[in-house]
Amino acid sequence: MKKSTLFVLLGLFVVLDLGYTFVQAYQLPLEGDLPSIVLPAPECRQVLTDPFGWGALTRNESYVAPNRFFAHASMVGYFKTVPFALQRITDPISSIYAACALFAVSVQALLLYVLGVYISGTYRLSNLNLWIAIALLVPLFQLSGYNGQMGIIDPSITYTFFYAFPMTLLLLLLLPFYQAAYDGTPLRISWPGQLALIGLMVVLAFNGAIIPGIVSVLFFGIALHWAIRRWQSGIGLPLGQRIIRIGQIPTLPLFLLGVFTLLCLYSLYIGLSEKESTVSVLPIWGRYMRLPSGIMWQLSKPGLIVLLVAAFLNTWLIRRLLPDSPGSQRILRIFGWLGLFALIYLLLLPLGGYRPYRPLIVRRDSILPIILGLMFFYALSSYFLLHHLPTHFRRQYLTGVLVVSLFYLGVDTLFLKENNSCERQGLERLAQATEPIVRVSAECTVMAWWKINNPAYTETEAKLLEYWGVTKGKKLYYHEGW
C-alpha cells in the first residue's frame, strides 16, 4: 500500500472515531457535581477565592477542594462561556450536552496526539509514523464497552475535567524530559519554555489529588533510575567516586522537577484538609483489605485482561524475534519501570483516603495513570514490532494487532444504554413550566447523582438552568413519586 493512501486511511480512521466519540458523549446524562462547581454552590466558593489553600495552611480550615482551584476554575470558565457560544447554533438544552461532548472529544484528541508523540518521536502531523501510533491507541478509548474497567474519558464530565484533562497536561509537561532521556541527550529548554513549564506545574499541582500522587511516585522512580545508571557507569572506580557520580545531577532537570515536587508535596499537605475526607473515615488497614477486591473487579471483564496479555505477548515477541539492541532493551526497561510504578502506586493508593462512592479504593479514575501507562506501552511495543519485525512475521503480527483493535472497537457501541433521553425530557418539562416548583419523572435523575424528593435541594441546579437560559426564572423541581 502506498504511504499516501495509508496516511489518508489512518487520518480518516482517527477523525471518524473522534466523531463517533462525540456522538457517544452527546448522549451522556449530566451529573450532580456539575451544578455545584459551575454555579458555584456555597460549599464550592471558598476554593475559588483561595487558589493556594492559605486557609487550610494558616487557619487549619477544612473546606471543599483546597488543592483543586484550577480544576474548579476551568469548569466554571468553560461552562459559563461555551454553552452560550453553542446556543448560536442550537437550543439551550442541547448546548449543555454539546459542550460536554466537545470537551470530552477535545481531551481525547489531545491525549491521542501527545501519546502519539511519545511513541513516534515526532510532533509533525504530516508524519505517517505519528498517525500509525495514534491509530494503535484509538480502539483502546472506550466510552461504552469496557469503560467501567479502562475508560479514560469518564461518563461524568466533572471527572473528565478532574482526571483525564490534568493527566493529558502532565504528559505534555513531561514530554521534553522523556524525549531527552529517551535520546540520551541533555535537556534543553529556552527561558520562555522554562517559565511556561513552571506555570503549567502550578496549574497541575493545584488540580486535584491525582497529579501530586503520580508525581510523588514517578519522581521517586526517576531518582532511582538515575542513581542506578550513574552507579553502573562508575563500575571499576573507587566507592567514593561512584557515590560522587550519583550526586552529579544535571542542574536544569533537577531545578524544574524539584520545583514541581515541592509544589505537589504542598498540595498533598493542604489536601489533608479536604472537607470530604473528614466526613467518611475508614481505617487504613480496612482500605488495604479492600484493595485486592478492587483489583479483581477491574479484571472482572476482558478489557484490561486482553490489554495486559497483549502487552506481555509483545515483550515476549521482542525478546524472541528481534535481535538484542538498544531500542529493544529500552522498550523492555520501560515495561519493567511501568510495572514498578503500578506496584508502588497501588500500595500507596489507600493512603489517599476513603470515599463511599469508591468503596473498593481501586476504580478506573483512581488508577487512571496505570491504565494510561498500559495503553501507552501496548501501542509503543506494537509500533516497535511493526517497524522492526522481519517481513515474513510482520504480516502475521499486523493481523494480530487488527484482531485486538476490532475486539475493542466491536464492544464500544455507538448508542448508549444509560443515556440522557429521560433527563432531556425532564429539562424540557422545566423549560416549558410556568409554576415555580415542577414535578419531573422519577424514572431518571436530572442533573443530580440521585433522585430528589425535596424541591429545596435543587436550589443550585435551578439557578444554573436559569443562568444557561433553559428556564425563564428559577424553577425548583422534585421527582414524581418521592
Protein backbone atom coordinates (compact mmCIF):
# COMPACT_ATOMS: atom_id res chain seq x y z
CA MET A 1 0.00 0.00 0.00
CA LYS A 2 1.31 3.45 -0.89
CA LYS A 3 2.27 5.70 2.02
CA SER A 4 -0.05 8.46 0.81
CA THR A 5 -3.03 6.07 0.78
CA LEU A 6 -2.16 4.71 4.21
CA PHE A 7 -1.80 8.27 5.51
CA VAL A 8 -5.30 9.17 4.32
CA LEU A 9 -6.84 5.95 5.66
CA LEU A 10 -5.28 6.34 9.11
CA GLY A 11 -6.22 10.01 9.32
CA LEU A 12 -9.79 9.21 8.27
CA PHE A 13 -9.96 6.41 10.84
CA VAL A 14 -8.87 8.71 13.68
CA VAL A 15 -11.17 11.57 12.67
CA LEU A 16 -14.17 9.27 12.26
CA ASP A 17 -13.52 7.71 15.65
CA LEU A 18 -13.42 11.16 17.26
CA GLY A 19 -16.75 11.89 15.61
CA TYR A 20 -18.02 8.55 16.92
CA THR A 21 -16.90 9.57 20.42
CA PHE A 22 -18.70 12.91 20.10
CA VAL A 23 -21.97 11.13 19.29
CA GLN A 24 -21.48 8.85 22.29
CA ALA A 25 -20.57 11.71 24.66
CA TYR A 26 -23.53 13.77 23.44
CA GLN A 27 -25.82 11.04 24.84
CA LEU A 28 -24.35 11.13 28.35
CA PRO A 29 -26.55 12.48 31.16
CA LEU A 30 -25.41 15.33 33.39
CA GLU A 31 -24.32 14.61 36.95
CA GLY A 32 -24.56 16.04 40.43
CA ASP A 33 -21.15 17.69 40.80
CA LEU A 34 -21.57 19.87 37.71
CA PRO A 35 -24.05 22.46 39.06
CA SER A 36 -22.33 22.77 42.44
CA ILE A 37 -18.96 23.52 40.83
CA VAL A 38 -20.11 25.68 37.92
CA LEU A 39 -22.65 27.99 39.61
CA PRO A 40 -20.90 27.61 42.16
CA ALA A 41 -22.79 26.39 45.22
CA PRO A 42 -21.82 27.94 48.60
CA GLU A 43 -19.62 24.99 49.56
CA CYS A 44 -17.55 25.37 46.36
CA ARG A 45 -16.91 29.11 46.59
CA GLN A 46 -14.00 29.23 49.02
CA VAL A 47 -11.65 27.31 46.73
CA LEU A 48 -12.23 29.92 44.01
CA THR A 49 -11.15 32.72 46.36
CA ASP A 50 -8.23 30.80 47.89
CA PRO A 51 -6.31 29.23 44.97
CA PHE A 52 -3.34 28.00 47.02
CA GLY A 53 -5.09 26.85 50.16
CA TRP A 54 -3.85 29.52 52.56
CA GLY A 55 -6.95 28.98 54.71
CA ALA A 56 -6.09 25.32 55.15
CA LEU A 57 -2.43 26.12 55.82
CA THR A 58 -2.63 29.13 58.14
CA ARG A 59 -6.06 28.77 59.77
CA ASN A 60 -6.45 24.99 59.71
CA GLU A 61 -9.74 25.36 57.83
CA SER A 62 -11.47 22.36 56.31
CA TYR A 63 -13.40 23.02 53.13
CA VAL A 64 -14.17 21.54 49.72
CA ALA A 65 -11.20 21.03 47.37
CA PRO A 66 -8.48 23.24 48.96
CA ASN A 67 -5.92 21.94 46.44
CA ARG A 68 -8.16 21.87 43.34
CA PHE A 69 -8.52 25.51 42.38
CA PHE A 70 -7.61 25.10 38.70
CA ALA A 71 -9.95 22.13 38.23
CA HIS A 72 -12.85 24.16 39.63
CA ALA A 73 -11.85 27.36 37.80
CA SER A 74 -11.55 25.58 34.46
CA MET A 75 -15.04 24.10 34.80
CA VAL A 76 -16.51 27.45 35.79
CA GLY A 77 -14.80 29.23 32.91
CA TYR A 78 -15.76 26.57 30.36
CA PHE A 79 -19.41 26.11 31.28
CA LYS A 80 -20.06 29.83 31.69
CA THR A 81 -18.90 30.55 28.14
CA VAL A 82 -19.04 27.57 25.76
CA PRO A 83 -22.75 26.70 26.12
CA PHE A 84 -23.63 30.30 25.23
CA ALA A 85 -21.40 30.15 22.15
CA LEU A 86 -23.10 26.92 21.09
CA GLN A 87 -26.55 28.47 21.60
CA ARG A 88 -25.94 30.39 18.38
CA ILE A 89 -26.49 27.14 16.50
CA THR A 90 -28.64 25.08 18.87
CA ASP A 91 -31.13 25.34 21.74
CA PRO A 92 -30.05 25.89 25.39
CA ILE A 93 -30.60 22.27 26.49
CA SER A 94 -28.67 20.83 23.54
CA SER A 95 -25.89 23.39 24.07
CA ILE A 96 -25.15 21.91 27.51
CA TYR A 97 -24.83 18.36 26.19
CA ALA A 98 -22.85 19.56 23.18
CA ALA A 99 -20.44 21.48 25.44
CA CYS A 100 -19.83 18.33 27.49
CA ALA A 101 -19.28 16.23 24.36
CA LEU A 102 -17.00 18.83 22.79
CA PHE A 103 -14.75 18.94 25.86
CA ALA A 104 -14.60 15.14 26.11
CA VAL A 105 -13.61 14.78 22.45
CA SER A 106 -11.06 17.61 22.71
CA VAL A 107 -9.37 15.92 25.67
CA GLN A 108 -9.31 12.59 23.85
CA ALA A 109 -7.87 14.17 20.69
CA LEU A 110 -5.13 15.98 22.63
CA LEU A 111 -4.31 12.87 24.62
CA LEU A 112 -4.07 10.76 21.47
CA TYR A 113 -1.74 13.33 19.92
CA VAL A 114 0.51 13.61 22.99
CA LEU A 115 0.79 9.84 23.39
CA GLY A 116 1.41 9.57 19.65
CA VAL A 117 4.34 11.98 20.01
CA TYR A 118 5.73 9.90 22.89
CA ILE A 119 5.57 6.78 20.74
CA SER A 120 6.66 8.10 17.34
CA GLY A 121 9.09 10.80 18.49
CA THR A 122 7.65 13.41 16.12
CA TYR A 123 5.29 16.35 16.61
CA ARG A 124 4.54 16.70 12.90
CA LEU A 125 1.02 15.81 11.81
CA SER A 126 2.40 15.32 8.32
CA ASN A 127 4.47 12.37 9.55
CA LEU A 128 2.93 8.96 8.83
CA ASN A 129 4.54 7.40 11.93
CA LEU A 130 2.58 9.71 14.22
CA TRP A 131 -0.70 8.55 12.68
CA ILE A 132 0.32 4.89 12.99
CA ALA A 133 0.96 5.43 16.71
CA ILE A 134 -2.37 7.23 17.20
CA ALA A 135 -4.26 4.55 15.24
CA LEU A 136 -2.89 1.88 17.59
CA LEU A 137 -4.28 3.80 20.56
CA VAL A 138 -7.70 4.76 19.17
CA PRO A 139 -9.54 1.43 19.77
CA LEU A 140 -8.47 1.41 23.44
CA PHE A 141 -10.53 4.50 24.26
CA GLN A 142 -13.84 3.10 25.45
CA LEU A 143 -16.81 5.33 26.26
CA SER A 144 -19.18 2.37 26.39
CA GLY A 145 -17.91 -1.23 26.19
CA TYR A 146 -15.26 -1.62 28.89
CA ASN A 147 -15.41 1.96 30.12
CA GLY A 148 -16.02 0.78 33.69
CA GLN A 149 -12.67 -1.03 33.75
CA MET A 150 -10.44 1.02 31.42
CA GLY A 151 -12.29 4.19 30.47
CA ILE A 152 -10.14 7.29 30.03
CA ILE A 153 -12.97 9.67 29.20
CA ASP A 154 -15.43 9.38 32.08
CA PRO A 155 -19.22 9.40 31.66
CA SER A 156 -19.14 12.19 34.25
CA ILE A 157 -17.86 15.39 32.65
CA THR A 158 -16.59 16.55 36.06
CA TYR A 159 -14.34 13.50 36.31
CA THR A 160 -13.02 14.18 32.82
CA PHE A 161 -12.08 17.68 33.97
CA PHE A 162 -10.51 16.35 37.18
CA TYR A 163 -8.71 13.25 35.87
CA ALA A 164 -8.25 12.80 32.11
CA PHE A 165 -7.62 16.50 31.41
CA PRO A 166 -4.86 17.07 34.00
CA MET A 167 -3.31 13.70 33.07
CA THR A 168 -3.07 14.94 29.49
CA LEU A 169 -1.44 18.18 30.63
CA LEU A 170 1.00 16.23 32.81
CA LEU A 171 2.06 14.10 29.86
CA LEU A 172 2.54 17.27 27.83
CA LEU A 173 4.70 18.75 30.59
CA LEU A 174 6.87 15.64 30.91
CA LEU A 175 7.34 15.21 27.16
CA PRO A 176 10.63 17.18 26.84
CA PHE A 177 12.07 15.28 29.82
CA TYR A 178 11.05 11.95 28.30
CA GLN A 179 12.50 12.77 24.90
CA ALA A 180 15.80 13.90 26.40
CA ALA A 181 16.05 10.71 28.46
CA TYR A 182 14.96 8.52 25.53
CA ASP A 183 17.55 10.06 23.19
CA GLY A 184 20.23 10.21 25.87
CA THR A 185 20.76 13.95 25.32
CA PRO A 186 20.86 16.88 27.79
CA LEU A 187 17.59 18.66 28.48
CA ARG A 188 17.47 21.94 26.57
CA ILE A 189 14.57 24.33 27.17
CA SER A 190 14.59 28.06 26.47
CA TRP A 191 13.87 30.57 29.26
CA PRO A 192 10.33 31.24 27.96
CA GLY A 193 9.84 27.49 27.80
CA GLN A 194 11.01 27.05 31.38
CA LEU A 195 8.65 29.76 32.60
CA ALA A 196 5.79 28.12 30.70
CA LEU A 197 6.63 24.76 32.28
CA ILE A 198 6.69 26.24 35.78
CA GLY A 199 3.33 27.89 35.11
CA LEU A 200 1.91 24.55 33.99
CA MET A 201 3.39 22.92 37.10
CA VAL A 202 1.47 25.37 39.30
CA VAL A 203 -1.74 24.60 37.40
CA LEU A 204 -1.23 20.84 37.73
CA ALA A 205 -0.19 20.86 41.38
CA PHE A 206 -3.46 22.59 42.31
CA ASN A 207 -5.67 20.50 40.06
CA GLY A 208 -6.62 17.71 42.42
CA ALA A 209 -5.17 14.79 44.31
CA ILE A 210 -4.21 12.55 41.40
CA ILE A 211 -1.38 14.64 39.93
CA PRO A 212 0.58 15.14 43.19
CA GLY A 213 0.24 11.41 43.87
CA ILE A 214 1.51 10.49 40.41
CA VAL A 215 4.40 12.95 40.63
CA SER A 216 5.47 11.60 44.02
CA VAL A 217 5.70 8.02 42.73
CA LEU A 218 7.04 8.94 39.30
CA PHE A 219 9.83 11.19 40.54
CA PHE A 220 10.89 8.56 43.07
CA GLY A 221 11.26 6.18 40.12
CA ILE A 222 13.19 8.78 38.11
CA ALA A 223 15.58 9.38 41.03
CA LEU A 224 16.07 5.63 41.48
CA HIS A 225 16.67 5.13 37.76
CA TRP A 226 19.20 7.97 37.71
CA ALA A 227 21.04 6.60 40.74
CA ILE A 228 21.24 3.09 39.24
CA ARG A 229 22.52 4.38 35.90
CA ARG A 230 25.16 6.59 37.48
CA TRP A 231 26.24 3.79 39.81
CA GLN A 232 26.61 1.37 36.89
CA SER A 233 28.57 3.94 34.86
CA GLY A 234 31.16 4.08 37.64
CA ILE A 235 31.97 0.39 37.67
CA GLY A 236 35.69 -0.03 38.24
CA LEU A 237 36.03 3.27 40.10
CA PRO A 238 36.61 3.57 43.86
CA LEU A 239 33.50 3.62 46.04
CA GLY A 240 33.84 7.31 46.87
CA GLN A 241 33.95 8.33 43.21
CA ARG A 242 30.95 6.16 42.40
CA ILE A 243 28.95 7.89 45.13
CA ILE A 244 30.08 11.30 43.80
CA ARG A 245 28.84 10.28 40.33
CA ILE A 246 25.34 9.67 41.71
CA GLY A 247 25.26 13.23 43.05
CA GLN A 248 26.22 14.77 39.71
CA ILE A 249 22.68 15.60 38.65
CA PRO A 250 22.10 18.00 35.70
CA THR A 251 21.05 21.38 37.05
CA LEU A 252 18.09 22.18 34.77
CA PRO A 253 16.03 18.99 35.24
CA LEU A 254 16.87 18.99 38.96
CA PHE A 255 15.60 22.54 39.31
CA LEU A 256 12.43 22.07 37.27
CA LEU A 257 11.45 18.70 38.70
CA GLY A 258 12.42 19.90 42.17
CA VAL A 259 10.05 22.87 41.89
CA PHE A 260 7.26 20.58 40.71
CA THR A 261 7.88 18.11 43.54
CA LEU A 262 7.73 20.85 46.19
CA LEU A 263 4.51 22.23 44.73
CA CYS A 264 2.96 18.76 44.73
CA LEU A 265 4.06 17.99 48.29
CA TYR A 266 2.48 21.24 49.44
CA SER A 267 -0.69 20.37 47.50
CA LEU A 268 -0.82 16.94 49.16
CA TYR A 269 -0.44 18.56 52.57
CA ILE A 270 -3.26 21.08 52.20
CA GLY A 271 -5.35 18.31 50.60
CA LEU A 272 -5.45 16.68 54.04
CA SER A 273 -7.89 19.46 54.98
CA GLU A 274 -10.34 18.44 52.24
CA LYS A 275 -13.79 18.50 53.84
CA GLU A 276 -14.96 15.27 52.20
CA SER A 277 -12.02 13.37 53.69
CA THR A 278 -13.12 14.22 57.22
CA VAL A 279 -16.71 13.02 56.73
CA SER A 280 -16.27 9.36 55.74
CA VAL A 281 -13.40 7.64 57.51
CA LEU A 282 -12.29 4.04 57.05
CA PRO A 283 -9.17 2.89 58.90
CA ILE A 284 -6.07 2.49 56.74
CA TRP A 285 -5.95 -1.27 57.32
CA GLY A 286 -9.57 -1.53 56.20
CA ARG A 287 -8.69 0.29 52.98
CA TYR A 288 -5.79 -2.08 52.30
CA MET A 289 -8.07 -5.06 52.90
CA ARG A 290 -10.34 -3.79 50.11
CA LEU A 291 -7.51 -3.32 47.63
CA PRO A 292 -7.50 -6.93 46.28
CA SER A 293 -11.27 -6.81 45.73
CA GLY A 294 -10.88 -3.57 43.79
CA ILE A 295 -8.18 -5.06 41.58
CA MET A 296 -10.25 -8.18 40.94
CA TRP A 297 -13.26 -6.06 39.98
CA GLN A 298 -11.16 -4.18 37.45
CA LEU A 299 -10.21 -7.55 35.96
CA SER A 300 -13.75 -8.91 36.09
CA LYS A 301 -14.26 -8.19 32.38
CA PRO A 302 -11.90 -8.91 29.46
CA GLY A 303 -11.00 -5.27 28.70
CA LEU A 304 -7.89 -4.88 30.86
CA ILE A 305 -7.06 -8.58 30.71
CA VAL A 306 -6.74 -8.53 26.92
CA LEU A 307 -4.59 -5.40 27.12
CA LEU A 308 -2.31 -7.00 29.74
CA VAL A 309 -1.96 -10.19 27.69
CA ALA A 310 -1.18 -8.18 24.53
CA ALA A 311 1.48 -6.18 26.40
CA PHE A 312 3.16 -9.31 27.79
CA LEU A 313 2.95 -11.00 24.39
CA ASN A 314 4.69 -8.01 22.80
CA THR A 315 7.56 -8.23 25.30
CA TRP A 316 7.89 -11.94 24.54
CA LEU A 317 7.98 -11.28 20.79
CA ILE A 318 10.61 -8.57 21.22
CA ARG A 319 12.81 -10.98 23.19
CA ARG A 320 12.17 -13.95 20.88
CA LEU A 321 12.08 -12.49 17.37
CA LEU A 322 14.21 -9.34 17.49
CA PRO A 323 17.96 -9.04 17.98
CA ASP A 324 19.23 -7.57 21.21
CA SER A 325 19.62 -3.85 20.54
CA PRO A 326 19.48 -0.56 22.47
CA GLY A 327 15.96 0.00 21.11
CA SER A 328 14.58 -3.35 22.20
CA GLN A 329 16.28 -3.11 25.60
CA ARG A 330 14.78 0.34 26.07
CA ILE A 331 11.27 -0.98 25.38
CA LEU A 332 11.72 -3.81 27.87
CA ARG A 333 13.07 -1.44 30.53
CA ILE A 334 10.05 0.81 30.07
CA PHE A 335 7.79 -2.19 30.75
CA GLY A 336 9.74 -3.01 33.90
CA TRP A 337 9.58 0.54 35.18
CA LEU A 338 5.87 0.71 34.37
CA GLY A 339 5.32 -2.43 36.46
CA LEU A 340 7.26 -0.93 39.37
CA PHE A 341 5.27 2.31 39.10
CA ALA A 342 1.98 0.38 39.11
CA LEU A 343 3.01 -1.64 42.17
CA ILE A 344 4.10 1.38 44.23
CA TYR A 345 1.11 3.44 43.12
CA LEU A 346 -1.36 0.70 44.13
CA LEU A 347 0.33 0.23 47.51
CA LEU A 348 0.12 3.96 48.22
CA LEU A 349 -3.43 4.37 46.90
CA PRO A 350 -5.22 3.56 50.18
CA LEU A 351 -3.30 6.36 51.88
CA GLY A 352 -5.23 8.84 49.72
CA GLY A 353 -8.32 8.41 51.87
CA TYR A 354 -11.68 6.72 51.54
CA ARG A 355 -14.74 7.75 49.55
CA PRO A 356 -18.12 5.97 49.88
CA TYR A 357 -18.63 6.23 46.11
CA ARG A 358 -15.31 4.41 45.61
CA PRO A 359 -15.79 1.62 48.16
CA LEU A 360 -13.10 -0.71 46.78
CA ILE A 361 -10.44 2.05 46.62
CA VAL A 362 -9.44 0.91 43.11
CA ARG A 363 -11.55 2.32 40.31
CA ARG A 364 -10.87 3.41 36.75
CA ASP A 365 -10.38 7.05 37.80
CA SER A 366 -8.09 6.32 40.77
CA ILE A 367 -5.84 4.04 38.68
CA LEU A 368 -6.02 6.15 35.51
CA PRO A 369 -2.20 6.57 35.39
CA ILE A 370 -1.75 2.77 35.36
CA ILE A 371 -4.38 2.30 32.64
CA LEU A 372 -2.82 5.05 30.50
CA GLY A 373 0.64 3.61 31.09
CA LEU A 374 -0.52 0.18 29.96
CA MET A 375 -2.17 1.61 26.85
CA PHE A 376 0.98 3.57 26.08
CA PHE A 377 3.20 0.51 26.42
CA TYR A 378 0.95 -1.66 24.27
CA ALA A 379 0.96 0.94 21.49
CA LEU A 380 4.70 1.64 21.89
CA SER A 381 5.69 -2.02 21.75
CA SER A 382 3.29 -2.71 18.87
CA TYR A 383 4.70 0.27 16.98
CA PHE A 384 8.25 -1.03 17.58
CA LEU A 385 7.39 -4.53 16.41
CA LEU A 386 5.63 -3.29 13.26
CA HIS A 387 8.77 -1.36 12.35
CA HIS A 388 11.37 -3.99 13.26
CA LEU A 389 9.89 -7.46 12.78
CA PRO A 390 11.23 -9.47 9.84
CA THR A 391 8.96 -9.18 6.81
CA HIS A 392 7.66 -12.76 6.99
CA PHE A 393 6.47 -12.18 10.59
CA ARG A 394 5.19 -8.64 10.12
CA ARG A 395 2.00 -9.54 8.23
CA GLN A 396 1.04 -12.15 10.82
CA TYR A 397 1.67 -9.69 13.62
CA LEU A 398 -0.33 -6.97 11.86
CA THR A 399 -3.23 -9.41 11.66
CA GLY A 400 -2.99 -9.92 15.42
CA VAL A 401 -2.99 -6.15 16.03
CA LEU A 402 -6.08 -5.78 13.85
CA VAL A 403 -7.85 -8.54 15.80
CA VAL A 404 -7.13 -6.75 19.10
CA SER A 405 -8.31 -3.45 17.63
CA LEU A 406 -11.51 -4.97 16.26
CA PHE A 407 -12.15 -6.61 19.63
CA TYR A 408 -12.21 -3.21 21.35
CA LEU A 409 -13.99 -1.39 18.53
CA GLY A 410 -16.69 -4.05 18.48
CA VAL A 411 -17.76 -3.58 22.10
CA ASP A 412 -17.67 0.24 22.09
CA THR A 413 -21.25 0.70 20.91
CA LEU A 414 -22.46 3.95 19.36
CA PHE A 415 -25.77 4.15 21.20
CA LEU A 416 -25.51 4.09 25.00
CA LYS A 417 -27.96 2.22 27.20
CA GLU A 418 -27.57 4.75 30.02
CA ASN A 419 -28.28 7.89 28.02
CA ASN A 420 -29.79 11.31 28.60
CA SER A 421 -33.10 10.88 26.76
CA CYS A 422 -35.14 10.74 30.00
CA GLU A 423 -33.17 13.61 31.54
CA ARG A 424 -33.75 15.70 28.40
CA GLN A 425 -37.48 15.23 28.85
CA GLY A 426 -37.14 16.45 32.41
CA LEU A 427 -35.22 19.55 31.27
CA GLU A 428 -37.80 20.22 28.57
CA ARG A 429 -40.54 19.91 31.19
CA LEU A 430 -38.71 22.53 33.27
CA ALA A 431 -38.23 24.78 30.24
CA GLN A 432 -41.95 24.78 29.48
CA ALA A 433 -43.16 25.04 33.09
CA THR A 434 -44.87 28.16 34.38
CA GLU A 435 -45.08 27.09 38.02
CA PRO A 436 -42.14 27.78 40.38
CA ILE A 437 -41.94 24.16 41.62
CA VAL A 438 -42.05 21.40 39.00
CA ARG A 439 -42.57 17.68 39.31
CA VAL A 440 -40.40 15.62 36.92
CA SER A 441 -40.35 11.93 36.12
CA ALA A 442 -38.96 9.52 38.72
CA GLU A 443 -37.52 7.30 36.01
CA CYS A 444 -34.19 9.14 35.98
CA THR A 445 -32.15 11.81 37.72
CA VAL A 446 -31.96 15.37 36.42
CA MET A 447 -28.51 16.92 36.79
CA ALA A 448 -28.02 15.02 40.04
CA TRP A 449 -26.44 11.82 41.39
CA TRP A 450 -29.73 10.65 42.88
CA LYS A 451 -33.44 11.35 42.65
CA ILE A 452 -34.57 14.35 44.67
CA ASN A 453 -37.58 14.29 46.99
CA ASN A 454 -37.42 17.88 48.25
CA PRO A 455 -37.52 20.87 45.86
CA ALA A 456 -35.34 22.86 48.27
CA TYR A 457 -32.42 20.57 47.38
CA THR A 458 -32.49 21.80 43.76
CA GLU A 459 -31.69 25.45 44.52
CA THR A 460 -28.26 25.29 42.87
CA GLU A 461 -29.49 23.31 39.85
CA ALA A 462 -32.42 25.68 39.32
CA LYS A 463 -30.20 28.77 39.40
CA LEU A 464 -27.76 27.25 36.90
CA LEU A 465 -30.53 26.24 34.49
CA GLU A 466 -31.87 29.78 34.70
CA TYR A 467 -28.36 31.14 34.06
CA TRP A 468 -27.99 28.97 30.94
CA GLY A 469 -31.37 30.14 29.64
CA VAL A 470 -33.00 26.72 29.88
CA THR A 471 -35.72 28.11 32.15
CA LYS A 472 -37.30 31.52 32.42
CA GLY A 473 -36.92 32.24 36.08
CA LYS A 474 -35.84 29.85 38.82
CA LYS A 475 -37.67 26.51 38.64
CA LEU A 476 -37.19 24.20 41.60
CA TYR A 477 -38.07 20.57 40.96
CA TYR A 478 -38.54 17.16 42.56
CA HIS A 479 -39.14 13.64 41.29
CA GLU A 480 -42.57 12.15 40.86
CA GLY A 481 -43.45 9.55 43.47
CA TRP A 482 -40.97 10.78 46.09
